[in-house]
Amino acid sequence: MGKIFYMMGKSSSGKDTILKRLLEDRTLGLSRMIMYTTRPIRTGETDGVEYHFVDEETMYRLAEEGKVIEERTYPTKLGPWHYFTVDDGEVDISRHSFAAMGTLESYVQMRNYYGKETVFPIYIEVDDGVRLKRAVEREQGEENPHYAEVCRRFLADETDFSEENLKKAGIKRRFKNETLEKTVDEVKRYCMERLR
C-alpha cells in the first residue's frame, strides 16, 4: 500500500523547493498529488504541475459530482481564492506513493479521507523574519505585485498554524528549514522510514 506525504508550513517556508527535491529523488519514487485552485496562475507556474488551475464553475461541478475531498476558501485582496483536493482518479495508493502540499486544515481532512496509516505530515518551519523577506522578494518578481496579499497571508499563517492547531492536528515532528540540504536529507529519511 502506498503512502501520502503531506507537506505543510507557513508561507515562504520553502515547502515548494523541498517538495520538488523529494519528487526528483528517484530512490523515493514519489508522484505528485496535484491539488486544484481558482487563484490566478503565477509567473513560472504551469497548469497541471503546481496546481490544476480552474474556474469556480468547474469547482462547483466537481463538488456536485461528489469528487471534492476537501476545500478551503481564502478572502484575498483580489477576491476569494479556493484551494481543493479532488478524487479525480489520479491518486492510486494501491500502486504508488505520493507527495502533496497544503494547509494544516487540509492535512487533517486528507488524513481522515485516506487514513492515518496512509497520510504522514511533514511540517516545515522557518524564522518569521526570513519568511517575510522571502515572500516580499518572490512577490517583486510578479508582473503585478500584490504586497497587501503577502501581508494578509503572513498574518493568517499565525492563526492557521498556531501551536493550539498544530497540537490538535497531532503534529509532533517539525523540520526546521535553516539549511536546505540538511532539511531535504532529514525529510527524505523520514519518508524512507515510512516507505519500508
N, C-alpha and C. Protein backbone atom coordinates (compact mmCIF):
# COMPACT_ATOMS: atom_id res chain seq x y z
N MET A 1 0.85 -1.19 0.00
CA MET A 1 0.00 0.00 0.00
C MET A 1 0.88 1.24 0.00
N GLY A 2 0.55 2.20 -0.86
CA GLY A 2 1.33 3.43 -0.95
C GLY A 2 1.05 4.37 0.20
N LYS A 3 1.87 5.41 0.30
CA LYS A 3 1.75 6.44 1.33
C LYS A 3 1.56 7.80 0.67
N ILE A 4 1.02 8.74 1.45
CA ILE A 4 0.93 10.13 1.03
C ILE A 4 1.68 10.97 2.04
N PHE A 5 2.71 11.67 1.59
CA PHE A 5 3.49 12.56 2.45
C PHE A 5 2.98 13.97 2.22
N TYR A 6 2.45 14.57 3.28
CA TYR A 6 1.73 15.84 3.16
C TYR A 6 2.56 16.98 3.72
N MET A 7 3.10 17.80 2.81
CA MET A 7 3.96 18.93 3.15
C MET A 7 3.12 20.13 3.52
N MET A 8 3.49 20.76 4.64
CA MET A 8 2.78 21.98 5.04
C MET A 8 3.70 22.87 5.86
N GLY A 9 3.28 24.11 6.01
CA GLY A 9 4.05 25.09 6.76
C GLY A 9 3.57 26.47 6.37
N LYS A 10 4.04 27.46 7.09
CA LYS A 10 3.65 28.83 6.79
C LYS A 10 4.20 29.25 5.43
N SER A 11 3.62 30.31 4.87
CA SER A 11 4.05 30.77 3.54
C SER A 11 5.53 31.10 3.53
N SER A 12 6.17 30.81 2.41
CA SER A 12 7.60 31.09 2.19
C SER A 12 8.52 30.35 3.15
N SER A 13 8.10 29.16 3.56
CA SER A 13 8.95 28.36 4.44
C SER A 13 9.84 27.40 3.65
N GLY A 14 9.68 27.37 2.33
CA GLY A 14 10.49 26.51 1.48
C GLY A 14 9.81 25.22 1.08
N LYS A 15 8.51 25.13 1.31
CA LYS A 15 7.77 23.89 1.01
C LYS A 15 7.89 23.48 -0.45
N ASP A 16 7.71 24.44 -1.36
CA ASP A 16 7.75 24.12 -2.79
C ASP A 16 9.09 23.53 -3.19
N THR A 17 10.17 24.14 -2.71
CA THR A 17 11.52 23.68 -3.06
C THR A 17 11.77 22.29 -2.50
N ILE A 18 11.40 22.07 -1.25
CA ILE A 18 11.61 20.75 -0.63
C ILE A 18 10.77 19.69 -1.32
N LEU A 19 9.52 20.02 -1.62
CA LEU A 19 8.65 19.08 -2.32
C LEU A 19 9.24 18.72 -3.69
N LYS A 20 9.73 19.71 -4.39
CA LYS A 20 10.34 19.46 -5.72
C LYS A 20 11.52 18.51 -5.60
N ARG A 21 12.35 18.72 -4.59
CA ARG A 21 13.52 17.86 -4.40
C ARG A 21 13.11 16.42 -4.07
N LEU A 22 12.07 16.26 -3.27
CA LEU A 22 11.59 14.91 -2.95
C LEU A 22 11.09 14.21 -4.20
N LEU A 23 10.36 14.94 -5.02
CA LEU A 23 9.80 14.35 -6.24
C LEU A 23 10.90 13.99 -7.25
N GLU A 24 11.99 14.73 -7.23
CA GLU A 24 13.12 14.45 -8.14
C GLU A 24 13.96 13.27 -7.69
N ASP A 25 13.85 12.89 -6.42
CA ASP A 25 14.67 11.82 -5.85
C ASP A 25 14.08 10.47 -6.26
N ARG A 26 14.76 9.78 -7.15
CA ARG A 26 14.25 8.51 -7.69
C ARG A 26 14.22 7.40 -6.64
N THR A 27 15.05 7.51 -5.60
CA THR A 27 15.04 6.45 -4.58
C THR A 27 13.73 6.45 -3.80
N LEU A 28 13.06 7.60 -3.72
CA LEU A 28 11.77 7.67 -3.03
C LEU A 28 10.63 7.20 -3.94
N GLY A 29 10.73 7.50 -5.23
CA GLY A 29 9.71 7.07 -6.18
C GLY A 29 8.34 7.68 -5.94
N LEU A 30 8.31 8.94 -5.49
CA LEU A 30 7.04 9.60 -5.20
C LEU A 30 6.47 10.29 -6.43
N SER A 31 5.16 10.25 -6.55
CA SER A 31 4.45 11.01 -7.58
C SER A 31 3.80 12.21 -6.90
N ARG A 32 3.60 13.26 -7.66
CA ARG A 32 2.99 14.45 -7.08
C ARG A 32 1.47 14.34 -7.11
N MET A 33 0.87 14.62 -5.97
CA MET A 33 -0.58 14.71 -5.87
C MET A 33 -0.92 16.17 -6.17
N ILE A 34 -1.57 16.41 -7.29
CA ILE A 34 -1.80 17.78 -7.74
C ILE A 34 -3.16 18.27 -7.27
N MET A 35 -3.13 19.34 -6.50
CA MET A 35 -4.35 19.95 -5.98
C MET A 35 -4.95 20.89 -7.04
N TYR A 36 -6.11 21.42 -6.73
CA TYR A 36 -6.82 22.34 -7.62
C TYR A 36 -6.91 23.72 -6.96
N THR A 37 -6.95 24.77 -7.76
CA THR A 37 -7.16 26.11 -7.23
C THR A 37 -7.86 27.00 -8.25
N THR A 38 -8.56 28.00 -7.72
CA THR A 38 -9.18 29.01 -8.59
C THR A 38 -8.35 30.29 -8.62
N ARG A 39 -7.24 30.31 -7.87
CA ARG A 39 -6.42 31.53 -7.88
C ARG A 39 -5.72 31.68 -9.22
N PRO A 40 -5.31 32.93 -9.55
CA PRO A 40 -4.60 33.13 -10.82
C PRO A 40 -3.26 32.41 -10.83
N ILE A 41 -2.87 31.95 -11.98
CA ILE A 41 -1.58 31.29 -12.13
C ILE A 41 -0.48 32.33 -11.97
N ARG A 42 0.60 31.98 -11.27
CA ARG A 42 1.72 32.90 -11.05
C ARG A 42 2.77 32.73 -12.14
N THR A 43 3.60 33.73 -12.27
CA THR A 43 4.71 33.68 -13.20
C THR A 43 5.56 32.45 -12.89
N GLY A 44 5.85 31.66 -13.91
CA GLY A 44 6.69 30.48 -13.74
C GLY A 44 5.93 29.21 -13.42
N GLU A 45 4.63 29.30 -13.14
CA GLU A 45 3.84 28.11 -12.85
C GLU A 45 3.27 27.52 -14.14
N THR A 46 2.96 26.23 -14.09
CA THR A 46 2.39 25.54 -15.24
C THR A 46 1.14 24.79 -14.79
N ASP A 47 0.06 24.96 -15.54
CA ASP A 47 -1.18 24.26 -15.21
C ASP A 47 -0.94 22.76 -15.24
N GLY A 48 -1.40 22.07 -14.19
CA GLY A 48 -1.22 20.63 -14.12
C GLY A 48 0.09 20.21 -13.49
N VAL A 49 0.92 21.18 -13.11
CA VAL A 49 2.19 20.86 -12.45
C VAL A 49 2.11 21.29 -10.98
N GLU A 50 2.05 22.59 -10.75
CA GLU A 50 1.90 23.07 -9.36
C GLU A 50 0.47 22.83 -8.87
N TYR A 51 -0.48 23.18 -9.71
CA TYR A 51 -1.91 23.01 -9.42
C TYR A 51 -2.64 22.77 -10.74
N HIS A 52 -3.88 22.30 -10.61
CA HIS A 52 -4.82 22.38 -11.72
C HIS A 52 -5.53 23.72 -11.51
N PHE A 53 -5.32 24.67 -12.41
CA PHE A 53 -5.94 25.99 -12.30
C PHE A 53 -7.29 25.95 -13.00
N VAL A 54 -8.36 26.14 -12.23
CA VAL A 54 -9.71 26.04 -12.78
C VAL A 54 -10.54 27.24 -12.35
N ASP A 55 -11.71 27.37 -12.94
CA ASP A 55 -12.61 28.45 -12.53
C ASP A 55 -13.59 27.92 -11.47
N GLU A 56 -14.36 28.83 -10.87
CA GLU A 56 -15.29 28.44 -9.82
C GLU A 56 -16.37 27.49 -10.34
N GLU A 57 -16.79 27.67 -11.57
CA GLU A 57 -17.82 26.81 -12.15
C GLU A 57 -17.35 25.35 -12.15
N THR A 58 -16.09 25.14 -12.51
CA THR A 58 -15.53 23.78 -12.51
C THR A 58 -15.50 23.22 -11.10
N MET A 59 -15.10 24.06 -10.14
CA MET A 59 -15.05 23.63 -8.74
C MET A 59 -16.44 23.18 -8.26
N TYR A 60 -17.46 23.99 -8.55
CA TYR A 60 -18.81 23.65 -8.12
C TYR A 60 -19.31 22.37 -8.79
N ARG A 61 -18.96 22.18 -10.05
CA ARG A 61 -19.37 20.96 -10.77
C ARG A 61 -18.73 19.73 -10.12
N LEU A 62 -17.43 19.82 -9.80
CA LEU A 62 -16.73 18.69 -9.17
C LEU A 62 -17.32 18.39 -7.79
N ALA A 63 -17.70 19.43 -7.07
CA ALA A 63 -18.32 19.25 -5.75
C ALA A 63 -19.67 18.55 -5.89
N GLU A 64 -20.46 18.96 -6.88
CA GLU A 64 -21.77 18.34 -7.11
C GLU A 64 -21.62 16.87 -7.48
N GLU A 65 -20.53 16.54 -8.15
CA GLU A 65 -20.26 15.15 -8.54
C GLU A 65 -19.72 14.33 -7.37
N GLY A 66 -19.51 14.97 -6.21
CA GLY A 66 -19.01 14.27 -5.03
C GLY A 66 -17.53 13.94 -5.07
N LYS A 67 -16.78 14.67 -5.89
CA LYS A 67 -15.36 14.36 -6.06
C LYS A 67 -14.42 15.22 -5.20
N VAL A 68 -14.95 16.26 -4.56
CA VAL A 68 -14.09 17.13 -3.75
C VAL A 68 -13.88 16.51 -2.37
N ILE A 69 -12.61 16.25 -2.03
CA ILE A 69 -12.25 15.65 -0.74
C ILE A 69 -12.23 16.72 0.35
N GLU A 70 -11.61 17.84 0.04
CA GLU A 70 -11.50 18.95 0.98
C GLU A 70 -11.39 20.24 0.19
N GLU A 71 -11.82 21.34 0.83
CA GLU A 71 -11.81 22.64 0.14
C GLU A 71 -11.62 23.75 1.15
N ARG A 72 -10.81 24.73 0.78
CA ARG A 72 -10.57 25.91 1.61
C ARG A 72 -10.76 27.15 0.76
N THR A 73 -11.35 28.19 1.35
CA THR A 73 -11.54 29.45 0.63
C THR A 73 -10.86 30.56 1.43
N TYR A 74 -10.08 31.37 0.72
CA TYR A 74 -9.38 32.49 1.36
C TYR A 74 -9.89 33.80 0.79
N PRO A 75 -10.33 34.70 1.67
CA PRO A 75 -10.78 36.03 1.21
C PRO A 75 -9.57 36.93 0.98
N THR A 76 -9.01 36.88 -0.22
CA THR A 76 -7.79 37.64 -0.51
C THR A 76 -8.13 39.06 -0.92
N LYS A 77 -7.10 39.86 -1.07
CA LYS A 77 -7.26 41.24 -1.54
C LYS A 77 -7.73 41.29 -2.99
N LEU A 78 -7.66 40.14 -3.68
CA LEU A 78 -8.06 40.05 -5.09
C LEU A 78 -9.36 39.28 -5.26
N GLY A 79 -10.06 39.05 -4.16
CA GLY A 79 -11.29 38.27 -4.20
C GLY A 79 -11.05 36.89 -3.63
N PRO A 80 -12.10 36.06 -3.51
CA PRO A 80 -11.93 34.73 -2.91
C PRO A 80 -11.14 33.77 -3.80
N TRP A 81 -10.19 33.07 -3.18
CA TRP A 81 -9.43 32.03 -3.87
C TRP A 81 -9.78 30.71 -3.19
N HIS A 82 -10.08 29.70 -4.00
CA HIS A 82 -10.41 28.37 -3.50
C HIS A 82 -9.25 27.42 -3.80
N TYR A 83 -8.92 26.61 -2.82
CA TYR A 83 -7.95 25.53 -2.99
C TYR A 83 -8.68 24.26 -2.59
N PHE A 84 -8.52 23.20 -3.37
CA PHE A 84 -9.25 21.98 -3.04
C PHE A 84 -8.58 20.75 -3.64
N THR A 85 -8.92 19.60 -3.05
CA THR A 85 -8.38 18.32 -3.49
C THR A 85 -9.53 17.53 -4.08
N VAL A 86 -9.26 16.90 -5.21
CA VAL A 86 -10.30 16.17 -5.93
C VAL A 86 -9.90 14.70 -6.07
N ASP A 87 -10.84 13.83 -5.81
CA ASP A 87 -10.64 12.41 -6.08
C ASP A 87 -10.94 12.22 -7.56
N ASP A 88 -9.90 12.50 -8.39
CA ASP A 88 -10.08 12.51 -9.84
C ASP A 88 -9.50 11.27 -10.52
N GLY A 89 -9.14 10.26 -9.73
CA GLY A 89 -8.60 9.03 -10.30
C GLY A 89 -7.10 9.04 -10.49
N GLU A 90 -6.46 10.18 -10.28
CA GLU A 90 -5.01 10.28 -10.48
C GLU A 90 -4.22 9.66 -9.32
N VAL A 91 -4.83 9.55 -8.15
CA VAL A 91 -4.12 9.03 -6.97
C VAL A 91 -4.56 7.59 -6.71
N ASP A 92 -3.64 6.67 -7.02
CA ASP A 92 -3.90 5.24 -6.80
C ASP A 92 -2.91 4.76 -5.74
N ILE A 93 -3.30 4.84 -4.46
CA ILE A 93 -2.37 4.46 -3.40
C ILE A 93 -2.18 2.95 -3.28
N SER A 94 -2.93 2.19 -4.05
CA SER A 94 -2.70 0.75 -4.05
C SER A 94 -1.44 0.41 -4.85
N ARG A 95 -1.00 1.36 -5.68
CA ARG A 95 0.15 1.10 -6.56
C ARG A 95 1.31 2.07 -6.38
N HIS A 96 1.05 3.28 -5.88
CA HIS A 96 2.09 4.31 -5.80
C HIS A 96 2.03 5.06 -4.49
N SER A 97 3.14 5.76 -4.18
CA SER A 97 3.18 6.69 -3.06
C SER A 97 3.25 8.10 -3.63
N PHE A 98 2.71 9.05 -2.87
CA PHE A 98 2.57 10.42 -3.36
C PHE A 98 3.10 11.44 -2.37
N ALA A 99 3.41 12.61 -2.90
CA ALA A 99 3.74 13.78 -2.08
C ALA A 99 2.74 14.86 -2.45
N ALA A 100 2.26 15.57 -1.43
CA ALA A 100 1.28 16.63 -1.64
C ALA A 100 1.64 17.81 -0.76
N MET A 101 0.98 18.93 -1.00
CA MET A 101 1.23 20.11 -0.20
C MET A 101 -0.08 20.83 0.06
N GLY A 102 -0.25 21.32 1.28
CA GLY A 102 -1.46 22.05 1.61
C GLY A 102 -1.36 22.68 2.98
N THR A 103 -2.51 22.94 3.56
CA THR A 103 -2.58 23.59 4.86
C THR A 103 -2.76 22.55 5.96
N LEU A 104 -2.70 23.00 7.17
CA LEU A 104 -2.93 22.12 8.31
C LEU A 104 -4.35 21.55 8.27
N GLU A 105 -5.29 22.42 7.96
CA GLU A 105 -6.70 22.01 7.86
C GLU A 105 -6.89 20.96 6.76
N SER A 106 -6.26 21.18 5.61
CA SER A 106 -6.42 20.22 4.52
C SER A 106 -5.73 18.89 4.84
N TYR A 107 -4.61 18.96 5.57
CA TYR A 107 -3.93 17.73 6.00
C TYR A 107 -4.88 16.87 6.84
N VAL A 108 -5.56 17.49 7.80
CA VAL A 108 -6.47 16.76 8.67
C VAL A 108 -7.58 16.09 7.85
N GLN A 109 -8.12 16.81 6.88
CA GLN A 109 -9.19 16.25 6.06
C GLN A 109 -8.68 15.13 5.16
N MET A 110 -7.46 15.29 4.64
CA MET A 110 -6.86 14.23 3.81
C MET A 110 -6.59 12.98 4.66
N ARG A 111 -6.09 13.19 5.87
CA ARG A 111 -5.83 12.07 6.78
C ARG A 111 -7.13 11.35 7.11
N ASN A 112 -8.19 12.11 7.32
CA ASN A 112 -9.48 11.49 7.61
C ASN A 112 -10.02 10.71 6.41
N TYR A 113 -9.75 11.19 5.20
CA TYR A 113 -10.25 10.56 3.98
C TYR A 113 -9.46 9.29 3.65
N TYR A 114 -8.11 9.39 3.68
CA TYR A 114 -7.27 8.26 3.28
C TYR A 114 -6.83 7.37 4.44
N GLY A 115 -6.87 7.91 5.68
CA GLY A 115 -6.49 7.12 6.85
C GLY A 115 -5.14 7.52 7.42
N LYS A 116 -5.02 7.41 8.75
CA LYS A 116 -3.79 7.78 9.46
C LYS A 116 -2.61 6.92 9.05
N GLU A 117 -2.89 5.69 8.66
CA GLU A 117 -1.81 4.78 8.26
C GLU A 117 -1.29 5.07 6.86
N THR A 118 -1.96 6.01 6.17
CA THR A 118 -1.57 6.34 4.79
C THR A 118 -0.99 7.73 4.66
N VAL A 119 -1.52 8.71 5.39
CA VAL A 119 -1.11 10.11 5.24
C VAL A 119 -0.19 10.53 6.39
N PHE A 120 1.01 11.01 6.02
CA PHE A 120 2.02 11.39 7.01
C PHE A 120 2.36 12.88 6.84
N PRO A 121 2.35 13.63 7.97
CA PRO A 121 2.63 15.06 7.90
C PRO A 121 4.11 15.38 7.83
N ILE A 122 4.43 16.41 7.04
CA ILE A 122 5.79 16.98 7.02
C ILE A 122 5.61 18.47 7.24
N TYR A 123 5.88 18.90 8.47
CA TYR A 123 5.69 20.31 8.83
C TYR A 123 7.03 21.04 8.79
N ILE A 124 7.12 22.06 7.93
CA ILE A 124 8.35 22.83 7.73
C ILE A 124 8.26 24.15 8.49
N GLU A 125 9.32 24.47 9.24
CA GLU A 125 9.38 25.72 9.99
C GLU A 125 10.57 26.58 9.56
N VAL A 126 10.35 27.90 9.54
CA VAL A 126 11.40 28.87 9.23
C VAL A 126 11.15 30.10 10.09
N ASP A 127 12.22 30.78 10.47
CA ASP A 127 12.11 32.04 11.22
C ASP A 127 11.19 33.01 10.48
N ASP A 128 10.31 33.69 11.23
CA ASP A 128 9.33 34.60 10.62
C ASP A 128 9.98 35.72 9.81
N GLY A 129 11.08 36.28 10.30
CA GLY A 129 11.75 37.35 9.56
C GLY A 129 12.27 36.87 8.21
N VAL A 130 12.82 35.68 8.18
CA VAL A 130 13.32 35.09 6.93
C VAL A 130 12.15 34.85 5.98
N ARG A 131 11.05 34.33 6.51
CA ARG A 131 9.87 34.06 5.67
C ARG A 131 9.32 35.33 5.03
N LEU A 132 9.21 36.39 5.83
CA LEU A 132 8.66 37.64 5.30
C LEU A 132 9.55 38.21 4.20
N LYS A 133 10.84 38.16 4.40
CA LYS A 133 11.78 38.65 3.38
C LYS A 133 11.63 37.84 2.09
N ARG A 134 11.56 36.53 2.20
CA ARG A 134 11.39 35.66 1.02
C ARG A 134 10.08 35.98 0.29
N ALA A 135 9.01 36.18 1.07
CA ALA A 135 7.70 36.43 0.46
C ALA A 135 7.70 37.73 -0.33
N VAL A 136 8.31 38.77 0.22
CA VAL A 136 8.37 40.06 -0.47
C VAL A 136 9.23 39.93 -1.73
N GLU A 137 10.36 39.26 -1.63
CA GLU A 137 11.24 39.08 -2.80
C GLU A 137 10.54 38.29 -3.91
N ARG A 138 9.79 37.26 -3.53
CA ARG A 138 9.05 36.48 -4.53
C ARG A 138 8.00 37.34 -5.21
N GLU A 139 7.30 38.15 -4.43
CA GLU A 139 6.24 39.00 -4.99
C GLU A 139 6.82 40.06 -5.92
N GLN A 140 8.03 40.52 -5.64
CA GLN A 140 8.68 41.50 -6.52
C GLN A 140 8.89 40.95 -7.92
N GLY A 141 8.97 39.63 -8.05
CA GLY A 141 9.17 39.01 -9.36
C GLY A 141 7.89 38.86 -10.17
N GLU A 142 6.75 39.17 -9.57
CA GLU A 142 5.48 39.07 -10.27
C GLU A 142 5.27 40.29 -11.17
N GLU A 143 4.55 40.08 -12.25
CA GLU A 143 4.26 41.19 -13.18
C GLU A 143 3.47 42.29 -12.48
N ASN A 144 2.50 41.91 -11.65
CA ASN A 144 1.70 42.87 -10.88
C ASN A 144 1.77 42.47 -9.40
N PRO A 145 2.80 42.93 -8.68
CA PRO A 145 2.94 42.54 -7.28
C PRO A 145 1.75 42.98 -6.42
N HIS A 146 1.37 42.13 -5.49
CA HIS A 146 0.26 42.42 -4.58
C HIS A 146 0.78 42.26 -3.15
N TYR A 147 1.42 43.31 -2.65
CA TYR A 147 2.04 43.25 -1.33
C TYR A 147 1.02 43.13 -0.20
N ALA A 148 -0.17 43.68 -0.40
CA ALA A 148 -1.21 43.56 0.63
C ALA A 148 -1.58 42.09 0.82
N GLU A 149 -1.58 41.31 -0.26
CA GLU A 149 -1.89 39.89 -0.17
C GLU A 149 -0.77 39.15 0.56
N VAL A 150 0.47 39.56 0.33
CA VAL A 150 1.60 38.96 1.05
C VAL A 150 1.41 39.16 2.56
N CYS A 151 1.04 40.37 2.94
CA CYS A 151 0.83 40.69 4.36
C CYS A 151 -0.35 39.91 4.94
N ARG A 152 -1.44 39.82 4.20
CA ARG A 152 -2.61 39.08 4.68
C ARG A 152 -2.25 37.62 4.92
N ARG A 153 -1.54 37.03 3.95
CA ARG A 153 -1.17 35.62 4.05
C ARG A 153 -0.23 35.40 5.25
N PHE A 154 0.73 36.30 5.42
CA PHE A 154 1.70 36.20 6.50
C PHE A 154 0.98 36.21 7.86
N LEU A 155 0.05 37.13 8.03
CA LEU A 155 -0.69 37.24 9.30
C LEU A 155 -1.65 36.07 9.51
N ALA A 156 -2.28 35.62 8.43
CA ALA A 156 -3.21 34.49 8.53
C ALA A 156 -2.49 33.22 8.97
N ASP A 157 -1.23 33.07 8.57
CA ASP A 157 -0.46 31.89 8.96
C ASP A 157 -0.31 31.77 10.47
N GLU A 158 -0.24 32.91 11.16
CA GLU A 158 -0.09 32.89 12.62
C GLU A 158 -1.27 32.18 13.27
N THR A 159 -2.45 32.39 12.72
CA THR A 159 -3.66 31.73 13.24
C THR A 159 -3.74 30.30 12.74
N ASP A 160 -3.57 30.13 11.43
CA ASP A 160 -3.73 28.79 10.83
C ASP A 160 -2.77 27.77 11.42
N PHE A 161 -1.52 28.19 11.68
CA PHE A 161 -0.51 27.28 12.21
C PHE A 161 -0.17 27.59 13.66
N SER A 162 -1.17 27.97 14.42
CA SER A 162 -0.96 28.25 15.85
C SER A 162 -0.54 26.97 16.56
N GLU A 163 0.11 27.12 17.70
CA GLU A 163 0.52 25.94 18.47
C GLU A 163 -0.68 25.08 18.84
N GLU A 164 -1.79 25.73 19.15
CA GLU A 164 -3.01 25.00 19.50
C GLU A 164 -3.49 24.15 18.33
N ASN A 165 -3.50 24.74 17.11
CA ASN A 165 -3.94 24.00 15.93
C ASN A 165 -2.98 22.87 15.58
N LEU A 166 -1.68 23.11 15.73
CA LEU A 166 -0.70 22.06 15.45
C LEU A 166 -0.90 20.88 16.41
N LYS A 167 -1.15 21.20 17.66
CA LYS A 167 -1.38 20.15 18.66
C LYS A 167 -2.64 19.37 18.36
N LYS A 168 -3.72 20.08 18.00
CA LYS A 168 -5.00 19.42 17.67
C LYS A 168 -4.84 18.47 16.48
N ALA A 169 -4.01 18.87 15.52
CA ALA A 169 -3.80 18.05 14.32
C ALA A 169 -2.82 16.90 14.56
N GLY A 170 -2.22 16.87 15.75
CA GLY A 170 -1.29 15.78 16.06
C GLY A 170 0.09 15.94 15.46
N ILE A 171 0.47 17.19 15.14
CA ILE A 171 1.80 17.43 14.56
C ILE A 171 2.82 17.45 15.68
N LYS A 172 3.70 16.45 15.68
CA LYS A 172 4.74 16.36 16.70
C LYS A 172 6.11 16.64 16.11
N ARG A 173 6.37 16.06 14.96
CA ARG A 173 7.67 16.22 14.31
C ARG A 173 7.67 17.49 13.48
N ARG A 174 8.75 18.29 13.62
CA ARG A 174 8.91 19.52 12.85
C ARG A 174 10.27 19.50 12.19
N PHE A 175 10.31 20.04 10.99
CA PHE A 175 11.57 20.13 10.25
C PHE A 175 11.93 21.60 10.12
N LYS A 176 13.01 22.01 10.79
CA LYS A 176 13.45 23.40 10.74
C LYS A 176 14.28 23.59 9.47
N ASN A 177 13.81 24.46 8.59
CA ASN A 177 14.47 24.68 7.31
C ASN A 177 15.48 25.83 7.43
N GLU A 178 16.57 25.56 8.14
CA GLU A 178 17.63 26.56 8.27
C GLU A 178 18.66 26.39 7.15
N THR A 179 18.91 25.14 6.78
CA THR A 179 19.82 24.82 5.67
C THR A 179 19.09 23.85 4.75
N LEU A 180 18.86 24.25 3.52
CA LEU A 180 18.03 23.46 2.60
C LEU A 180 18.52 22.02 2.48
N GLU A 181 19.80 21.80 2.23
CA GLU A 181 20.30 20.44 2.01
C GLU A 181 20.05 19.55 3.23
N LYS A 182 20.30 20.10 4.41
CA LYS A 182 20.08 19.34 5.65
C LYS A 182 18.60 19.00 5.81
N THR A 183 17.74 19.97 5.55
CA THR A 183 16.30 19.74 5.69
C THR A 183 15.81 18.69 4.71
N VAL A 184 16.25 18.80 3.46
CA VAL A 184 15.85 17.80 2.45
C VAL A 184 16.29 16.41 2.89
N ASP A 185 17.52 16.28 3.40
CA ASP A 185 18.01 14.97 3.85
C ASP A 185 17.17 14.43 5.00
N GLU A 186 16.82 15.30 5.96
CA GLU A 186 16.00 14.86 7.10
C GLU A 186 14.62 14.41 6.64
N VAL A 187 14.02 15.17 5.75
CA VAL A 187 12.68 14.82 5.25
C VAL A 187 12.76 13.52 4.45
N LYS A 188 13.80 13.37 3.66
CA LYS A 188 13.96 12.15 2.86
C LYS A 188 14.07 10.93 3.78
N ARG A 189 14.86 11.03 4.84
CA ARG A 189 14.99 9.90 5.78
C ARG A 189 13.64 9.57 6.43
N TYR A 190 12.90 10.61 6.79
CA TYR A 190 11.57 10.43 7.38
C TYR A 190 10.66 9.65 6.42
N CYS A 191 10.70 10.01 5.15
CA CYS A 191 9.88 9.31 4.15
C CYS A 191 10.34 7.87 3.95
N MET A 192 11.65 7.68 3.84
CA MET A 192 12.18 6.34 3.59
C MET A 192 11.78 5.37 4.71
N GLU A 193 11.82 5.86 5.98
CA GLU A 193 11.44 5.01 7.11
C GLU A 193 10.00 4.53 6.99
N ARG A 194 9.14 5.37 6.44
CA ARG A 194 7.72 5.02 6.34
C ARG A 194 7.38 4.26 5.07
N LEU A 195 8.27 4.25 4.12
CA LEU A 195 8.06 3.51 2.88
C LEU A 195 8.51 2.06 2.99
N ARG A 196 9.26 1.74 4.03
CA ARG A 196 9.77 0.36 4.21
C ARG A 196 8.67 -0.63 4.50
